[in-house]
Amino acid sequence: MLATKSITEEILDLKRRRNAILLAHHYQEPEIQELADVVGDSLELARKARQFEGEVIAFCGVWFMAETAKILNPERIVVVPDPEAGCSLVDCCPAEHLRAYRRRHPDHVIVSYINTSAEVKAESDILCTSRNAVDVVNSIPPEKTILFVPDRNLGLYVKHKTGRDNLKIWQGSCVVHATFSARRLAAAKERFPNALVAAHPESPQETLRQADFIGSTSAIIRWCVEHPGKEFIIVTESGVNFSLQRLAPDKKFHFVQNEQCNCSECPYMKKNSLEKLRDCLEKLEPRVELPEEIMKRALVPLERMLAVTTRK
């Protein structure tokens, strides 16, 4: 009797047959990160998608990330495990609203966080990630008025770091990071008095004021691994614990719970599973399809962002 393949073996076999690459965000479940060819934040995954030479990209993250991969690889097949893996930041910035703003303020520079739809990217002048947002804004002439879209907390952080008084901020927020309250962090610091705090800039300003380090997901991981400290409080999605434990098994990591679910998890990121990953590689569905005109227009601000990052 032939042994039944495990789901992991099925996925790896399908990956070989499809000439596919598996990209996974740090917020994915550990079993998905273990199988991925690349685990990273939005900037790292955008770069890897740009360099890919195979036929299929299986993007284990949320939908806007897979759209970004498709914009960078219009001729390749891009699939996602679950089409309902969305993003609250995408939802709070409809493209028609941004187009209306552009009509009212044609001279303003629109800087859009990568956590936006392909349509919003197409309406933007340049994109950014949480890692390079300060550099992107600093690359814009100081006399220009900027609209930062859509995360208000990241926008406030960038405004503080750059000193740009002419930076206007869209009033969107991340359903996870926006609810990491200063009260919850203060309680964690009281419970773990020897721990250092690393926080994502999508968190509220009063929470960030208590942090020893502020940075993107990958920057948080790198800082915690390289820092001589042995105990840390992490203010971001708990999926990063996989990389933290793998890279620094001798250190302790505590996660602040948010106000909505008493957890540190993104409900959208957790929609993906090994079963759904296997099925999307087998069926090549759900597939990301975008109008050619949108992809061409969205590629321009995306390339501008990557160029600014390359110069650093």
Protein backbone atom coordinates (compact mmCIF):
# COMPACT_ATOMS: atom_id res chain seq x y z
CA MET A 1 0.00 0.00 0.00
CA LEU A 2 1.41 3.37 -1.01
CA ALA A 3 1.93 5.93 1.75
CA THR A 4 -0.23 9.03 1.52
CA LYS A 5 1.69 12.24 0.91
CA SER A 6 1.66 14.80 3.69
CA ILE A 7 0.26 18.21 2.85
CA THR A 8 3.79 19.62 3.06
CA GLU A 9 4.99 17.11 0.48
CA GLU A 10 2.03 17.95 -1.75
CA ILE A 11 2.86 21.65 -1.62
CA LEU A 12 6.55 21.12 -2.37
CA ASP A 13 5.70 18.77 -5.24
CA LEU A 14 3.25 21.30 -6.70
CA LYS A 15 5.83 24.05 -6.30
CA ARG A 16 8.32 22.08 -8.39
CA ARG A 17 5.73 21.20 -11.03
CA ARG A 18 4.51 24.78 -11.32
CA ASN A 19 8.01 26.29 -11.27
CA ALA A 20 6.71 28.44 -8.45
CA ILE A 21 8.14 30.54 -5.67
CA LEU A 22 6.47 30.80 -2.26
CA LEU A 23 6.59 34.28 -0.72
CA ALA A 24 5.35 34.71 2.83
CA HIS A 25 4.93 37.74 5.05
CA HIS A 26 6.23 37.65 8.63
CA TYR A 27 2.63 37.66 9.89
CA GLN A 28 1.75 34.29 8.35
CA GLU A 29 1.28 31.13 10.39
CA PRO A 30 4.59 29.39 11.31
CA GLU A 31 3.91 26.34 9.14
CA ILE A 32 3.57 28.58 6.08
CA GLN A 33 6.74 30.51 6.91
CA GLU A 34 8.62 27.21 7.25
CA LEU A 35 7.77 26.28 3.66
CA ALA A 36 8.35 29.67 2.09
CA ASP A 37 11.31 30.42 -0.16
CA VAL A 38 11.35 33.98 1.17
CA VAL A 39 9.90 35.39 4.39
CA GLY A 40 9.93 39.15 4.69
CA ASP A 41 8.15 42.45 5.07
CA SER A 42 6.46 44.35 2.25
CA LEU A 43 9.69 45.87 0.91
CA GLU A 44 11.66 42.60 0.95
CA LEU A 45 8.85 40.71 -0.76
CA ALA A 46 8.42 43.43 -3.40
CA ARG A 47 12.12 43.21 -4.19
CA LYS A 48 12.03 39.41 -4.40
CA ALA A 49 8.95 39.48 -6.62
CA ARG A 50 10.79 41.88 -8.92
CA GLN A 51 13.74 39.45 -9.22
CA PHE A 52 11.69 36.29 -9.76
CA GLU A 53 12.26 34.37 -13.00
CA GLY A 54 9.89 31.39 -12.63
CA GLU A 55 6.30 30.98 -13.80
CA VAL A 56 4.10 31.18 -10.69
CA ILE A 57 4.23 33.34 -7.56
CA ALA A 58 2.24 31.97 -4.62
CA PHE A 59 1.89 34.94 -2.30
CA CYS A 60 1.10 34.08 1.30
CA GLY A 61 0.11 37.42 2.72
CA VAL A 62 -2.80 39.70 1.94
CA TRP A 63 -4.32 40.65 -1.39
CA PHE A 64 -2.63 44.03 -1.90
CA MET A 65 0.78 42.36 -1.55
CA ALA A 66 -0.10 39.88 -4.28
CA GLU A 67 -1.27 42.79 -6.44
CA THR A 68 2.15 44.39 -5.98
CA ALA A 69 3.81 41.16 -7.11
CA LYS A 70 1.56 41.12 -10.18
CA ILE A 71 2.40 44.76 -11.02
CA LEU A 72 6.09 43.84 -10.96
CA ASN A 73 5.47 40.60 -12.89
CA PRO A 74 2.59 41.24 -15.29
CA GLU A 75 3.45 38.23 -17.47
CA ARG A 76 3.53 35.74 -14.57
CA ILE A 77 0.77 33.95 -12.72
CA VAL A 78 0.23 35.25 -9.19
CA VAL A 79 -2.01 33.28 -6.85
CA VAL A 80 -3.08 33.70 -3.23
CA PRO A 81 -4.37 31.06 -0.81
CA ASP A 82 -7.45 33.05 0.28
CA PRO A 83 -9.00 35.94 -1.70
CA GLU A 84 -10.63 37.25 1.50
CA ALA A 85 -7.22 38.05 3.01
CA GLY A 86 -7.72 41.80 2.80
CA CYS A 87 -6.49 44.82 4.74
CA SER A 88 -8.27 47.51 6.76
CA LEU A 89 -5.92 50.15 5.32
CA VAL A 90 -6.93 49.24 1.79
CA ASP A 91 -10.60 49.41 2.77
CA CYS A 92 -10.32 52.91 4.26
CA CYS A 93 -8.86 54.48 1.11
CA PRO A 94 -11.11 53.94 -1.94
CA ALA A 95 -9.51 54.98 -5.22
CA GLU A 96 -12.42 57.25 -6.16
CA HIS A 97 -11.87 59.31 -3.00
CA LEU A 98 -8.19 59.73 -3.81
CA ARG A 99 -9.05 60.74 -7.39
CA ALA A 100 -11.38 63.38 -6.01
CA TYR A 101 -8.59 64.72 -3.80
CA ARG A 102 -6.27 64.83 -6.81
CA ARG A 103 -8.80 66.90 -8.75
CA ARG A 104 -9.05 69.40 -5.88
CA HIS A 105 -5.28 69.55 -5.27
CA PRO A 106 -3.45 68.77 -8.53
CA ASP A 107 -0.19 70.28 -7.23
CA HIS A 108 0.08 68.06 -4.14
CA VAL A 109 2.43 65.06 -4.09
CA ILE A 110 0.61 61.85 -3.15
CA VAL A 111 2.73 59.42 -1.15
CA SER A 112 0.88 56.14 -0.72
CA TYR A 113 1.79 53.44 1.76
CA ILE A 114 2.19 50.10 0.01
CA ASN A 115 -0.84 48.91 2.03
CA THR A 116 -3.19 50.21 -0.65
CA SER A 117 -5.02 48.81 -3.65
CA ALA A 118 -3.52 48.71 -7.13
CA GLU A 119 -5.98 51.43 -8.17
CA VAL A 120 -4.77 53.74 -5.39
CA LYS A 121 -1.17 53.03 -6.33
CA ALA A 122 -2.01 54.05 -9.89
CA GLU A 123 -3.24 57.44 -8.58
CA SER A 124 -0.07 58.02 -6.52
CA ASP A 125 3.18 59.85 -7.26
CA ILE A 126 5.37 57.54 -5.18
CA LEU A 127 4.88 54.62 -2.79
CA CYS A 128 6.54 53.77 0.50
CA THR A 129 6.76 51.02 3.09
CA SER A 130 7.05 51.44 6.83
CA ARG A 131 10.79 50.88 6.45
CA ASN A 132 11.48 53.55 3.84
CA ALA A 133 8.64 56.05 4.41
CA VAL A 134 10.92 58.67 5.99
CA ASP A 135 13.44 58.37 3.14
CA VAL A 136 10.69 58.64 0.53
CA VAL A 137 9.23 61.81 2.08
CA ASN A 138 12.71 63.30 2.45
CA SER A 139 13.29 62.71 -1.28
CA ILE A 140 10.47 65.13 -2.14
CA PRO A 141 11.34 68.86 -2.49
CA PRO A 142 10.56 70.60 0.81
CA GLU A 143 8.33 73.23 -0.78
CA LYS A 144 5.91 70.58 -2.04
CA THR A 145 2.73 69.81 -0.08
CA ILE A 146 2.39 66.07 0.50
CA LEU A 147 -0.65 63.90 1.09
CA PHE A 148 0.34 60.76 3.01
CA VAL A 149 -2.08 57.88 2.38
CA PRO A 150 -3.69 56.08 4.22
CA ASP A 151 -2.27 55.26 7.69
CA ARG A 152 -2.59 58.19 10.09
CA ASN A 153 -0.23 56.74 12.70
CA LEU A 154 2.55 56.06 10.22
CA GLY A 155 1.89 59.48 8.71
CA LEU A 156 2.25 61.17 12.10
CA TYR A 157 5.47 59.26 12.75
CA VAL A 158 6.87 60.32 9.37
CA LYS A 159 5.80 63.92 9.95
CA HIS A 160 7.63 63.94 13.29
CA LYS A 161 10.79 62.35 11.85
CA THR A 162 10.96 64.61 8.79
CA GLY A 163 9.69 67.86 10.32
CA ARG A 164 7.44 68.38 7.28
CA ASP A 165 4.69 70.78 8.35
CA ASN A 166 3.22 70.62 4.84
CA LEU A 167 2.47 66.89 5.14
CA LYS A 168 -1.27 66.15 5.18
CA ILE A 169 -2.42 62.78 6.50
CA TRP A 170 -5.27 60.52 5.39
CA GLN A 171 -7.27 59.26 8.38
CA GLY A 172 -6.94 55.50 7.97
CA SER A 173 -5.61 52.92 10.41
CA CYS A 174 -4.53 49.30 10.74
CA VAL A 175 -7.10 47.17 12.53
CA VAL A 176 -4.30 45.53 14.53
CA HIS A 177 -1.67 48.19 15.24
CA ALA A 178 -4.09 51.04 15.93
CA THR A 179 -5.46 49.20 18.95
CA PHE A 180 -2.11 48.60 20.66
CA SER A 181 -2.85 51.12 23.38
CA ALA A 182 -0.39 52.96 25.60
CA ARG A 183 -2.29 51.49 28.56
CA ARG A 184 -1.70 47.93 27.44
CA LEU A 185 1.98 48.63 26.75
CA ALA A 186 2.45 50.29 30.14
CA ALA A 187 0.94 47.22 31.79
CA ALA A 188 3.33 44.97 29.88
CA LYS A 189 6.30 47.12 30.91
CA GLU A 190 5.22 46.88 34.55
CA ARG A 191 4.96 43.11 34.23
CA PHE A 192 8.33 42.78 32.45
CA PRO A 193 10.42 45.65 33.87
CA ASN A 194 13.69 44.46 32.32
CA ALA A 195 12.31 44.19 28.79
CA LEU A 196 13.06 46.63 25.98
CA VAL A 197 10.20 47.76 23.73
CA ALA A 198 10.21 47.45 19.92
CA ALA A 199 7.18 48.92 18.14
CA HIS A 200 5.82 49.22 14.61
CA PRO A 201 5.15 52.83 13.47
CA GLU A 202 1.53 52.00 12.59
CA SER A 203 0.91 52.05 16.35
CA PRO A 204 -0.57 55.12 18.11
CA GLN A 205 1.81 57.96 18.95
CA GLU A 206 1.32 57.65 22.72
CA THR A 207 2.33 54.00 22.39
CA LEU A 208 5.39 54.82 20.28
CA ARG A 209 6.58 57.31 22.91
CA GLN A 210 7.20 54.36 25.25
CA ALA A 211 9.30 52.42 22.71
CA ASP A 212 13.05 51.91 22.75
CA PHE A 213 12.99 51.16 19.03
CA ILE A 214 10.51 51.96 16.24
CA GLY A 215 10.73 50.23 12.88
CA SER A 216 9.25 47.98 10.22
CA THR A 217 8.60 44.32 10.89
CA SER A 218 11.98 43.21 9.54
CA ALA A 219 13.74 46.10 11.28
CA ILE A 220 12.19 45.03 14.61
CA ILE A 221 13.41 41.48 14.09
CA ARG A 222 16.91 42.62 13.17
CA TRP A 223 17.14 45.04 16.11
CA CYS A 224 16.01 42.44 18.64
CA VAL A 225 18.39 39.81 17.29
CA GLU A 226 21.40 42.15 17.22
CA HIS A 227 20.73 43.98 20.50
CA PRO A 228 22.60 42.62 23.56
CA GLY A 229 19.37 42.68 25.56
CA LYS A 230 17.73 39.36 26.47
CA GLU A 231 14.07 40.33 26.91
CA PHE A 232 11.77 42.34 24.65
CA ILE A 233 8.19 43.55 24.46
CA ILE A 234 7.01 43.49 20.84
CA VAL A 235 4.32 45.86 19.59
CA THR A 236 3.34 44.35 16.26
CA GLU A 237 1.61 41.26 14.88
CA SER A 238 2.64 38.09 16.72
CA GLY A 239 3.59 36.22 13.54
CA VAL A 240 7.06 37.77 13.87
CA ASN A 241 7.63 35.44 16.83
CA PHE A 242 8.55 32.67 14.36
CA SER A 243 11.59 34.57 13.07
CA LEU A 244 12.47 35.98 16.47
CA GLN A 245 12.57 32.55 18.10
CA ARG A 246 14.45 31.03 15.17
CA LEU A 247 17.10 33.75 15.06
CA ALA A 248 17.40 34.42 18.80
CA PRO A 249 16.34 31.26 20.68
CA ASP A 250 18.11 32.44 23.84
CA LYS A 251 15.94 35.56 24.19
CA LYS A 252 12.45 36.15 25.57
CA PHE A 253 9.72 37.95 23.59
CA HIS A 254 6.43 39.22 24.96
CA PHE A 255 3.58 40.54 22.79
CA VAL A 256 1.26 43.39 23.70
CA GLN A 257 -2.39 42.48 23.27
CA ASN A 258 -4.62 44.83 21.31
CA GLU A 259 -7.92 46.21 22.53
CA GLN A 260 -10.16 44.36 20.09
CA CYS A 261 -9.43 40.68 20.59
CA ASN A 262 -6.97 40.45 23.50
CA CYS A 263 -4.53 39.06 20.98
CA SER A 264 -1.77 40.27 18.65
CA GLU A 265 -3.05 38.66 15.44
CA CYS A 266 -4.19 40.08 12.12
CA PRO A 267 -7.47 38.35 11.20
CA TYR A 268 -6.72 38.83 7.49
CA MET A 269 -3.22 37.34 7.57
CA LYS A 270 -4.48 34.31 9.46
CA LYS A 271 -7.02 33.42 6.75
CA ASN A 272 -4.30 31.60 4.80
CA SER A 273 -3.55 27.95 5.57
CA LEU A 274 -1.52 25.05 4.22
CA GLU A 275 -4.66 23.51 2.73
CA LYS A 276 -5.51 26.72 0.89
CA LEU A 277 -1.90 27.09 -0.27
CA ARG A 278 -1.95 23.57 -1.70
CA ASP A 279 -5.26 24.18 -3.45
CA CYS A 280 -4.17 27.48 -5.03
CA LEU A 281 -1.03 25.83 -6.43
CA GLU A 282 -3.08 22.92 -7.76
CA LYS A 283 -5.82 25.02 -9.39
CA LEU A 284 -3.81 28.21 -9.96
CA GLU A 285 -6.72 30.01 -8.35
CA PRO A 286 -7.54 32.46 -6.81
CA ARG A 287 -5.49 34.36 -9.36
CA VAL A 288 -4.62 38.05 -9.26
CA GLU A 289 -5.74 39.74 -12.46
CA LEU A 290 -5.40 43.49 -13.00
CA PRO A 291 -6.17 45.76 -15.96
CA GLU A 292 -3.04 46.44 -18.00
CA GLU A 293 -3.57 50.20 -17.76
CA ILE A 294 -3.72 50.06 -13.93
CA MET A 295 -0.58 47.93 -13.76
CA LYS A 296 1.36 50.30 -16.00
CA ARG A 297 0.35 53.36 -14.01
CA ALA A 298 0.92 51.69 -10.64
CA LEU A 299 4.37 50.51 -11.70
CA VAL A 300 5.63 54.11 -12.00
CA PRO A 301 5.30 55.08 -8.29
CA LEU A 302 6.42 51.59 -7.27
CA GLU A 303 9.62 51.90 -9.31
CA ARG A 304 10.18 55.38 -7.87
CA MET A 305 10.01 53.94 -4.38
CA LEU A 306 12.44 51.15 -5.20
CA ALA A 307 14.83 53.67 -6.76
CA VAL A 308 14.84 55.79 -3.59
CA THR A 309 15.51 52.71 -1.51
CA THR A 310 18.32 51.56 -3.82
CA ARG A 311 20.08 54.90 -3.46
CA LYS A 312 20.26 54.52 0.33
